[in-house]
Structure formats: structure tokens, C-alpha cells
Amino acid sequence: MTVYVIEDLDFFLEQARNCRHKLYQINQFATGIEVRLRAGTLGFRKEYKSESDEEFQKIKRIIETEGFIEVIETMPDDQFFI
């Protein structure tokens, strides 16, 4: 399945409200924090320098209120039950 990554957070969130499965992942790196959001075939990905960034805080609030589910790991389907 292809994920179409877009830069417009507001458009992504507008589309995500109608999706059944909303997923997120937050990764810490030496250079900052990366947020990945996915709803259906749309994805949003952005890096922030710190947790105090205003848009990052907005995303954290939305993750809680919109019911996004955290992805802790990904793997191929045929390797899940090994």
C-alpha cells in the first residue's frame, strides 16, 4: 500500500477525521523530534527541534483527542507469527 505524505497539517487533520484507523509515531533523534501521522493512505511527517514547538504541542493534543493509536514497531505480515 502506498502512503501519500503531505506537508499541510490542517488538510491532513481535516481528512483524518473521517478515517477509522489513525496511527502515529514519535521518534527522538539527536537533532530533534520526528512526528509521523497516518490516516488511510494519507501521511504527515515533520521534524521539530524541541517538544516546546507550538505545532508539535498542537499535534500531541490532537493525537489524544482524535484517538490516534501509537505504532511501536512495523514488520512484514509473514514475519509477525514466527
PDB file of N, CA and C in Angstrom:
ATOM      1  N   MET A   1       0.846  -1.180   0.000  1.00  0.00           N
ATOM      2  CA  MET A   1       0.000   0.000   0.000  1.00  0.00           C
ATOM      3  C   MET A   1       0.889   1.239   0.000  1.00  0.00           C
ATOM      4  N   THR A   2       0.506   2.214  -0.766  1.00  0.00           N
ATOM      5  CA  THR A   2       1.235   3.468  -0.855  1.00  0.00           C
ATOM      6  C   THR A   2       0.671   4.479   0.131  1.00  0.00           C
ATOM      7  N   VAL A   3       1.554   5.215   0.794  1.00  0.00           N
ATOM      8  CA  VAL A   3       1.148   6.314   1.674  1.00  0.00           C
ATOM      9  C   VAL A   3       1.571   7.607   0.996  1.00  0.00           C
ATOM     10  N   TYR A   4       0.642   8.521   0.845  1.00  0.00           N
ATOM     11  CA  TYR A   4       0.908   9.817   0.229  1.00  0.00           C
ATOM     12  C   TYR A   4       1.202  10.827   1.326  1.00  0.00           C
ATOM     13  N   VAL A   5       2.465  11.212   1.450  1.00  0.00           N
ATOM     14  CA  VAL A   5       2.909  12.113   2.509  1.00  0.00           C
ATOM     15  C   VAL A   5       2.700  13.551   2.045  1.00  0.00           C
ATOM     16  N   ILE A   6       2.008  14.327   2.872  1.00  0.00           N
ATOM     17  CA  ILE A   6       1.735  15.731   2.550  1.00  0.00           C
ATOM     18  C   ILE A   6       2.324  16.634   3.626  1.00  0.00           C
ATOM     19  N   GLU A   7       2.477  17.908   3.298  1.00  0.00           N
ATOM     20  CA  GLU A   7       3.076  18.874   4.226  1.00  0.00           C
ATOM     21  C   GLU A   7       2.054  19.709   4.983  1.00  0.00           C
ATOM     22  N   ASP A   8       0.827  19.724   4.528  1.00  0.00           N
ATOM     23  CA  ASP A   8      -0.210  20.587   5.095  1.00  0.00           C
ATOM     24  C   ASP A   8      -0.902  19.883   6.262  1.00  0.00           C
ATOM     25  N   LEU A   9      -0.527  20.239   7.491  1.00  0.00           N
ATOM     26  CA  LEU A   9      -1.078  19.587   8.680  1.00  0.00           C
ATOM     27  C   LEU A   9      -2.586  19.777   8.782  1.00  0.00           C
ATOM     28  N   ASP A  10      -3.079  20.987   8.548  1.00  0.00           N
ATOM     29  CA  ASP A  10      -4.514  21.234   8.681  1.00  0.00           C
ATOM     30  C   ASP A  10      -5.334  20.405   7.693  1.00  0.00           C
ATOM     31  N   PHE A  11      -4.856  20.300   6.438  1.00  0.00           N
ATOM     32  CA  PHE A  11      -5.556  19.484   5.447  1.00  0.00           C
ATOM     33  C   PHE A  11      -5.523  18.015   5.859  1.00  0.00           C
ATOM     34  N   PHE A  12      -4.368  17.549   6.333  1.00  0.00           N
ATOM     35  CA  PHE A  12      -4.259  16.163   6.793  1.00  0.00           C
ATOM     36  C   PHE A  12      -5.275  15.888   7.899  1.00  0.00           C
ATOM     37  N   LEU A  13      -5.337  16.769   8.889  1.00  0.00           N
ATOM     38  CA  LEU A  13      -6.245  16.555  10.022  1.00  0.00           C
ATOM     39  C   LEU A  13      -7.707  16.588   9.589  1.00  0.00           C
ATOM     40  N   GLU A  14      -8.028  17.446   8.643  1.00  0.00           N
ATOM     41  CA  GLU A  14      -9.392  17.514   8.120  1.00  0.00           C
ATOM     42  C   GLU A  14      -9.778  16.173   7.490  1.00  0.00           C
ATOM     43  N   GLN A  15      -8.874  15.590   6.712  1.00  0.00           N
ATOM     44  CA  GLN A  15      -9.133  14.308   6.072  1.00  0.00           C
ATOM     45  C   GLN A  15      -9.126  13.164   7.087  1.00  0.00           C
ATOM     46  N   ALA A  16      -8.283  13.241   8.089  1.00  0.00           N
ATOM     47  CA  ALA A  16      -8.144  12.168   9.073  1.00  0.00           C
ATOM     48  C   ALA A  16      -9.391  11.994   9.929  1.00  0.00           C
ATOM     49  N   ARG A  17     -10.150  13.040  10.105  1.00  0.00           N
ATOM     50  CA  ARG A  17     -11.350  12.947  10.952  1.00  0.00           C
ATOM     51  C   ARG A  17     -12.332  11.899  10.451  1.00  0.00           C
ATOM     52  N   ASN A  18     -12.305  11.595   9.158  1.00  0.00           N
ATOM     53  CA  ASN A  18     -13.236  10.631   8.577  1.00  0.00           C
ATOM     54  C   ASN A  18     -12.665   9.220   8.480  1.00  0.00           C
ATOM     55  N   CYS A  19     -11.447   9.015   8.940  1.00  0.00           N
ATOM     56  CA  CYS A  19     -10.803   7.702   8.833  1.00  0.00           C
ATOM     57  C   CYS A  19     -11.035   6.864  10.084  1.00  0.00           C
ATOM     58  N   ARG A  20     -11.155   5.558   9.891  1.00  0.00           N
ATOM     59  CA  ARG A  20     -11.338   4.648  11.019  1.00  0.00           C
ATOM     60  C   ARG A  20     -10.045   4.428  11.796  1.00  0.00           C
ATOM     61  N   HIS A  21      -8.957   4.219  11.074  1.00  0.00           N
ATOM     62  CA  HIS A  21      -7.680   3.913  11.716  1.00  0.00           C
ATOM     63  C   HIS A  21      -6.736   5.089  11.562  1.00  0.00           C
ATOM     64  N   LYS A  22      -6.376   5.680  12.694  1.00  0.00           N
ATOM     65  CA  LYS A  22      -5.448   6.810  12.714  1.00  0.00           C
ATOM     66  C   LYS A  22      -4.240   6.402  13.549  1.00  0.00           C
ATOM     67  N   LEU A  23      -3.070   6.456  12.939  1.00  0.00           N
ATOM     68  CA  LEU A  23      -1.857   5.971  13.585  1.00  0.00           C
ATOM     69  C   LEU A  23      -0.838   7.092  13.733  1.00  0.00           C
ATOM     70  N   TYR A  24       0.026   6.952  14.746  1.00  0.00           N
ATOM     71  CA  TYR A  24       1.103   7.935  14.913  1.00  0.00           C
ATOM     72  C   TYR A  24       2.351   7.270  15.459  1.00  0.00           C
ATOM     73  N   GLN A  25       3.468   7.937  15.231  1.00  0.00           N
ATOM     74  CA  GLN A  25       4.747   7.515  15.787  1.00  0.00           C
ATOM     75  C   GLN A  25       5.572   8.767  16.046  1.00  0.00           C
ATOM     76  N   ILE A  26       6.191   8.841  17.213  1.00  0.00           N
ATOM     77  CA  ILE A  26       7.075   9.951  17.562  1.00  0.00           C
ATOM     78  C   ILE A  26       8.454   9.364  17.835  1.00  0.00           C
ATOM     79  N   ASN A  27       9.451   9.852  17.090  1.00  0.00           N
ATOM     80  CA  ASN A  27      10.822   9.362  17.210  1.00  0.00           C
ATOM     81  C   ASN A  27      11.738  10.481  17.690  1.00  0.00           C
ATOM     82  N   GLN A  28      12.570  10.169  18.684  1.00  0.00           N
ATOM     83  CA  GLN A  28      13.552  11.126  19.203  1.00  0.00           C
ATOM     84  C   GLN A  28      14.887  10.894  18.497  1.00  0.00           C
ATOM     85  N   PHE A  29      15.490  11.948  18.012  1.00  0.00           N
ATOM     86  CA  PHE A  29      16.811  11.896  17.392  1.00  0.00           C
ATOM     87  C   PHE A  29      17.690  12.955  18.046  1.00  0.00           C
ATOM     88  N   ALA A  30      18.973  12.891  17.805  1.00  0.00           N
ATOM     89  CA  ALA A  30      19.904  13.873  18.353  1.00  0.00           C
ATOM     90  C   ALA A  30      19.588  15.276  17.841  1.00  0.00           C
ATOM     91  N   THR A  31      19.050  15.352  16.634  1.00  0.00           N
ATOM     92  CA  THR A  31      18.749  16.655  16.026  1.00  0.00           C
ATOM     93  C   THR A  31      17.355  17.171  16.353  1.00  0.00           C
ATOM     94  N   GLY A  32      16.511  16.358  16.975  1.00  0.00           N
ATOM     95  CA  GLY A  32      15.166  16.802  17.311  1.00  0.00           C
ATOM     96  C   GLY A  32      14.182  15.647  17.391  1.00  0.00           C
ATOM     97  N   ILE A  33      12.926  15.955  17.109  1.00  0.00           N
ATOM     98  CA  ILE A  33      11.825  15.000  17.231  1.00  0.00           C
ATOM     99  C   ILE A  33      11.126  14.892  15.883  1.00  0.00           C
ATOM    100  N   GLU A  34      10.868  13.658  15.464  1.00  0.00           N
ATOM    101  CA  GLU A  34      10.131  13.443  14.225  1.00  0.00           C
ATOM    102  C   GLU A  34       8.753  12.896  14.564  1.00  0.00           C
ATOM    103  N   VAL A  35       7.720  13.474  13.957  1.00  0.00           N
ATOM    104  CA  VAL A  35       6.343  13.018  14.137  1.00  0.00           C
ATOM    105  C   VAL A  35       5.869  12.446  12.812  1.00  0.00           C
ATOM    106  N   ARG A  36       5.250  11.273  12.884  1.00  0.00           N
ATOM    107  CA  ARG A  36       4.628  10.664  11.711  1.00  0.00           C
ATOM    108  C   ARG A  36       3.180  10.360  12.064  1.00  0.00           C
ATOM    109  N   LEU A  37       2.271  10.838  11.221  1.00  0.00           N
ATOM    110  CA  LEU A  37       0.850  10.581  11.380  1.00  0.00           C
ATOM    111  C   LEU A  37       0.351   9.905  10.109  1.00  0.00           C
ATOM    112  N   ARG A  38      -0.569   8.958  10.258  1.00  0.00           N
ATOM    113  CA  ARG A  38      -1.149   8.300   9.090  1.00  0.00           C
ATOM    114  C   ARG A  38      -2.631   8.082   9.323  1.00  0.00           C
ATOM    115  N   ALA A  39      -3.403   8.364   8.285  1.00  0.00           N
ATOM    116  CA  ALA A  39      -4.842   8.120   8.300  1.00  0.00           C
ATOM    117  C   ALA A  39      -5.219   7.657   6.893  1.00  0.00           C
ATOM    118  N   GLY A  40      -5.569   6.393   6.771  1.00  0.00           N
ATOM    119  CA  GLY A  40      -5.841   5.841   5.452  1.00  0.00           C
ATOM    120  C   GLY A  40      -4.575   5.851   4.618  1.00  0.00           C
ATOM    121  N   THR A  41      -4.659   6.426   3.425  1.00  0.00           N
ATOM    122  CA  THR A  41      -3.486   6.485   2.554  1.00  0.00           C
ATOM    123  C   THR A  41      -2.743   7.806   2.668  1.00  0.00           C
ATOM    124  N   LEU A  42      -3.208   8.710   3.526  1.00  0.00           N
ATOM    125  CA  LEU A  42      -2.525   9.996   3.711  1.00  0.00           C
ATOM    126  C   LEU A  42      -1.588   9.937   4.909  1.00  0.00           C
ATOM    127  N   GLY A  43      -0.432  10.558   4.753  1.00  0.00           N
ATOM    128  CA  GLY A  43       0.531  10.622   5.833  1.00  0.00           C
ATOM    129  C   GLY A  43       1.047  12.042   5.999  1.00  0.00           C
ATOM    130  N   PHE A  44       1.470  12.348   7.209  1.00  0.00           N
ATOM    131  CA  PHE A  44       2.089  13.640   7.535  1.00  0.00           C
ATOM    132  C   PHE A  44       3.360  13.320   8.294  1.00  0.00           C
ATOM    133  N   ARG A  45       4.467  13.943   7.911  1.00  0.00           N
ATOM    134  CA  ARG A  45       5.740  13.719   8.595  1.00  0.00           C
ATOM    135  C   ARG A  45       6.484  15.041   8.697  1.00  0.00           C
ATOM    136  N   LYS A  46       6.984  15.328   9.915  1.00  0.00           N
ATOM    137  CA  LYS A  46       7.722  16.573  10.108  1.00  0.00           C
ATOM    138  C   LYS A  46       8.658  16.432  11.298  1.00  0.00           C
ATOM    139  N   GLU A  47       9.789  17.140  11.223  1.00  0.00           N
ATOM    140  CA  GLU A  47      10.739  17.168  12.328  1.00  0.00           C
ATOM    141  C   GLU A  47      10.632  18.498  13.065  1.00  0.00           C
ATOM    142  N   TYR A  48      10.794  18.431  14.381  1.00  0.00           N
ATOM    143  CA  TYR A  48      10.754  19.617  15.229  1.00  0.00           C
ATOM    144  C   TYR A  48      12.025  19.646  16.054  1.00  0.00           C
ATOM    145  N   LYS A  49      12.500  20.839  16.343  1.00  0.00           N
ATOM    146  CA  LYS A  49      13.750  20.988  17.103  1.00  0.00           C
ATOM    147  C   LYS A  49      13.574  20.623  18.572  1.00  0.00           C
ATOM    148  N   SER A  50      12.369  20.893  19.131  1.00  0.00           N
ATOM    149  CA  SER A  50      12.141  20.575  20.539  1.00  0.00           C
ATOM    150  C   SER A  50      10.660  20.330  20.786  1.00  0.00           C
ATOM    151  N   GLU A  51      10.375  19.761  21.947  1.00  0.00           N
ATOM    152  CA  GLU A  51       8.985  19.494  22.331  1.00  0.00           C
ATOM    153  C   GLU A  51       8.205  20.772  22.609  1.00  0.00           C
ATOM    154  N   SER A  52       8.896  21.866  22.818  1.00  0.00           N
ATOM    155  CA  SER A  52       8.200  23.122  23.119  1.00  0.00           C
ATOM    156  C   SER A  52       7.671  23.819  21.867  1.00  0.00           C
ATOM    157  N   ASP A  53       7.968  23.288  20.685  1.00  0.00           N
ATOM    158  CA  ASP A  53       7.459  23.862  19.445  1.00  0.00           C
ATOM    159  C   ASP A  53       5.930  23.887  19.484  1.00  0.00           C
ATOM    160  N   GLU A  54       5.347  25.017  19.116  1.00  0.00           N
ATOM    161  CA  GLU A  54       3.899  25.210  19.196  1.00  0.00           C
ATOM    162  C   GLU A  54       3.126  24.199  18.348  1.00  0.00           C
ATOM    163  N   GLU A  55       3.586  23.943  17.127  1.00  0.00           N
ATOM    164  CA  GLU A  55       2.890  22.978  16.263  1.00  0.00           C
ATOM    165  C   GLU A  55       3.021  21.560  16.812  1.00  0.00           C
ATOM    166  N   PHE A  56       4.167  21.224  17.385  1.00  0.00           N
ATOM    167  CA  PHE A  56       4.351  19.904  17.999  1.00  0.00           C
ATOM    168  C   PHE A  56       3.362  19.715  19.145  1.00  0.00           C
ATOM    169  N   GLN A  57       3.187  20.729  19.973  1.00  0.00           N
ATOM    170  CA  GLN A  57       2.223  20.650  21.074  1.00  0.00           C
ATOM    171  C   GLN A  57       0.793  20.489  20.550  1.00  0.00           C
ATOM    172  N   LYS A  58       0.477  21.162  19.457  1.00  0.00           N
ATOM    173  CA  LYS A  58      -0.844  21.029  18.822  1.00  0.00           C
ATOM    174  C   LYS A  58      -1.059  19.585  18.371  1.00  0.00           C
ATOM    175  N   ILE A  59      -0.039  18.995  17.765  1.00  0.00           N
ATOM    176  CA  ILE A  59      -0.143  17.613  17.298  1.00  0.00           C
ATOM    177  C   ILE A  59      -0.355  16.661  18.468  1.00  0.00           C
ATOM    178  N   LYS A  60       0.360  16.865  19.567  1.00  0.00           N
ATOM    179  CA  LYS A  60       0.181  15.996  20.733  1.00  0.00           C
ATOM    180  C   LYS A  60      -1.244  16.068  21.276  1.00  0.00           C
ATOM    181  N   ARG A  61      -1.822  17.260  21.302  1.00  0.00           N
ATOM    182  CA  ARG A  61      -3.218  17.399  21.756  1.00  0.00           C
ATOM    183  C   ARG A  61      -4.172  16.681  20.809  1.00  0.00           C
ATOM    184  N   ILE A  62      -3.932  16.813  19.522  1.00  0.00           N
ATOM    185  CA  ILE A  62      -4.803  16.187  18.527  1.00  0.00           C
ATOM    186  C   ILE A  62      -4.700  14.666  18.594  1.00  0.00           C
ATOM    187  N   ILE A  63      -3.501  14.146  18.809  1.00  0.00           N
ATOM    188  CA  ILE A  63      -3.308  12.696  18.937  1.00  0.00           C
ATOM    189  C   ILE A  63      -4.207  12.151  20.041  1.00  0.00           C
ATOM    190  N   GLU A  64      -4.282  12.856  21.153  1.00  0.00           N
ATOM    191  CA  GLU A  64      -5.114  12.413  22.274  1.00  0.00           C
ATOM    192  C   GLU A  64      -6.599  12.564  21.985  1.00  0.00           C
ATOM    193  N   THR A  65      -7.009  13.712  21.483  1.00  0.00           N
ATOM    194  CA  THR A  65      -8.447  13.968  21.304  1.00  0.00           C
ATOM    195  C   THR A  65      -9.049  13.233  20.118  1.00  0.00           C
ATOM    196  N   GLU A  66      -8.261  12.977  19.071  1.00  0.00           N
ATOM    197  CA  GLU A  66      -8.787  12.318  17.872  1.00  0.00           C
ATOM    198  C   GLU A  66      -8.627  10.802  17.909  1.00  0.00           C
ATOM    199  N   GLY A  67      -8.006  10.263  18.946  1.00  0.00           N
ATOM    200  CA  GLY A  67      -7.899   8.819  19.089  1.00  0.00           C
ATOM    201  C   GLY A  67      -6.861   8.150  18.199  1.00  0.00           C
ATOM    202  N   PHE A  68      -5.752   8.829  17.935  1.00  0.00           N
ATOM    203  CA  PHE A  68      -4.669   8.207  17.179  1.00  0.00           C
ATOM    204  C   PHE A  68      -4.058   7.086  18.017  1.00  0.00           C
ATOM    205  N   ILE A  69      -3.634   6.022  17.360  1.00  0.00           N
ATOM    206  CA  ILE A  69      -3.044   4.864  18.023  1.00  0.00           C
ATOM    207  C   ILE A  69      -1.537   4.857  17.747  1.00  0.00           C
ATOM    208  N   GLU A  70      -0.734   4.640  18.792  1.00  0.00           N
ATOM    209  CA  GLU A  70       0.716   4.663  18.640  1.00  0.00           C
ATOM    210  C   GLU A  70       1.227   3.384  17.980  1.00  0.00           C
ATOM    211  N   VAL A  71       2.086   3.547  16.995  1.00  0.00           N
ATOM    212  CA  VAL A  71       2.770   2.430  16.345  1.00  0.00           C
ATOM    213  C   VAL A  71       4.136   2.291  17.017  1.00  0.00           C
ATOM    214  N   ILE A  72       4.401   1.126  17.589  1.00  0.00           N
ATOM    215  CA  ILE A  72       5.678   0.925  18.278  1.00  0.00           C
ATOM    216  C   ILE A  72       6.695   0.194  17.411  1.00  0.00           C
ATOM    217  N   GLU A  73       6.222  -0.516  16.378  1.00  0.00           N
ATOM    218  CA  GLU A  73       7.118  -1.262  15.510  1.00  0.00           C
ATOM    219  C   GLU A  73       6.358  -1.656  14.249  1.00  0.00           C
ATOM    220  N   THR A  74       7.080  -1.823  13.159  1.00  0.00           N
ATOM    221  CA  THR A  74       6.479  -2.352  11.938  1.00  0.00           C
ATOM    222  C   THR A  74       7.269  -3.564  11.478  1.00  0.00           C
ATOM    223  N   MET A  75       6.563  -4.489  10.823  1.00  0.00           N
ATOM    224  CA  MET A  75       7.214  -5.680  10.284  1.00  0.00           C
ATOM    225  C   MET A  75       6.335  -6.269   9.191  1.00  0.00           C
ATOM    226  N   PRO A  76       6.938  -7.059   8.309  1.00  0.00           N
ATOM    227  CA  PRO A  76       6.153  -7.711   7.263  1.00  0.00           C
ATOM    228  C   PRO A  76       5.135  -8.684   7.859  1.00  0.00           C
ATOM    229  N   ASP A  77       3.991  -8.787   7.229  1.00  0.00           N
ATOM    230  CA  ASP A  77       2.901  -9.635   7.696  1.00  0.00           C
ATOM    231  C   ASP A  77       3.348 -11.087   7.878  1.00  0.00           C
ATOM    232  N   ASP A  78       4.120 -11.616   6.934  1.00  0.00           N
ATOM    233  CA  ASP A  78       4.515 -13.014   7.003  1.00  0.00           C
ATOM    234  C   ASP A  78       5.534 -13.309   8.094  1.00  0.00           C
ATOM    235  N   GLN A  79       6.065 -12.285   8.756  1.00  0.00           N
ATOM    236  CA  GLN A  79       7.019 -12.500   9.833  1.00  0.00           C
ATOM    237  C   GLN A  79       6.420 -12.246  11.222  1.00  0.00           C
ATOM    238  N   PHE A  80       5.170 -11.828  11.275  1.00  0.00           N
ATOM    239  CA  PHE A  80       4.563 -11.475  12.553  1.00  0.00           C
ATOM    240  C   PHE A  80       4.452 -12.678  13.490  1.00  0.00           C
ATOM    241  N   PHE A  81       3.994 -13.813  12.979  1.00  0.00           N
ATOM    242  CA  PHE A  81       3.814 -15.001  13.821  1.00  0.00           C
ATOM    243  C   PHE A  81       4.929 -16.016  13.585  1.00  0.00           C
ATOM    244  N   ILE A  82       6.139 -15.626  13.865  1.00  0.00           N
ATOM    245  CA  ILE A  82       7.270 -16.560  13.722  1.00  0.00           C
ATOM    246  C   ILE A  82       7.630 -17.108  15.068  1.00  0.00           C
TER     247      ILE A  82
END
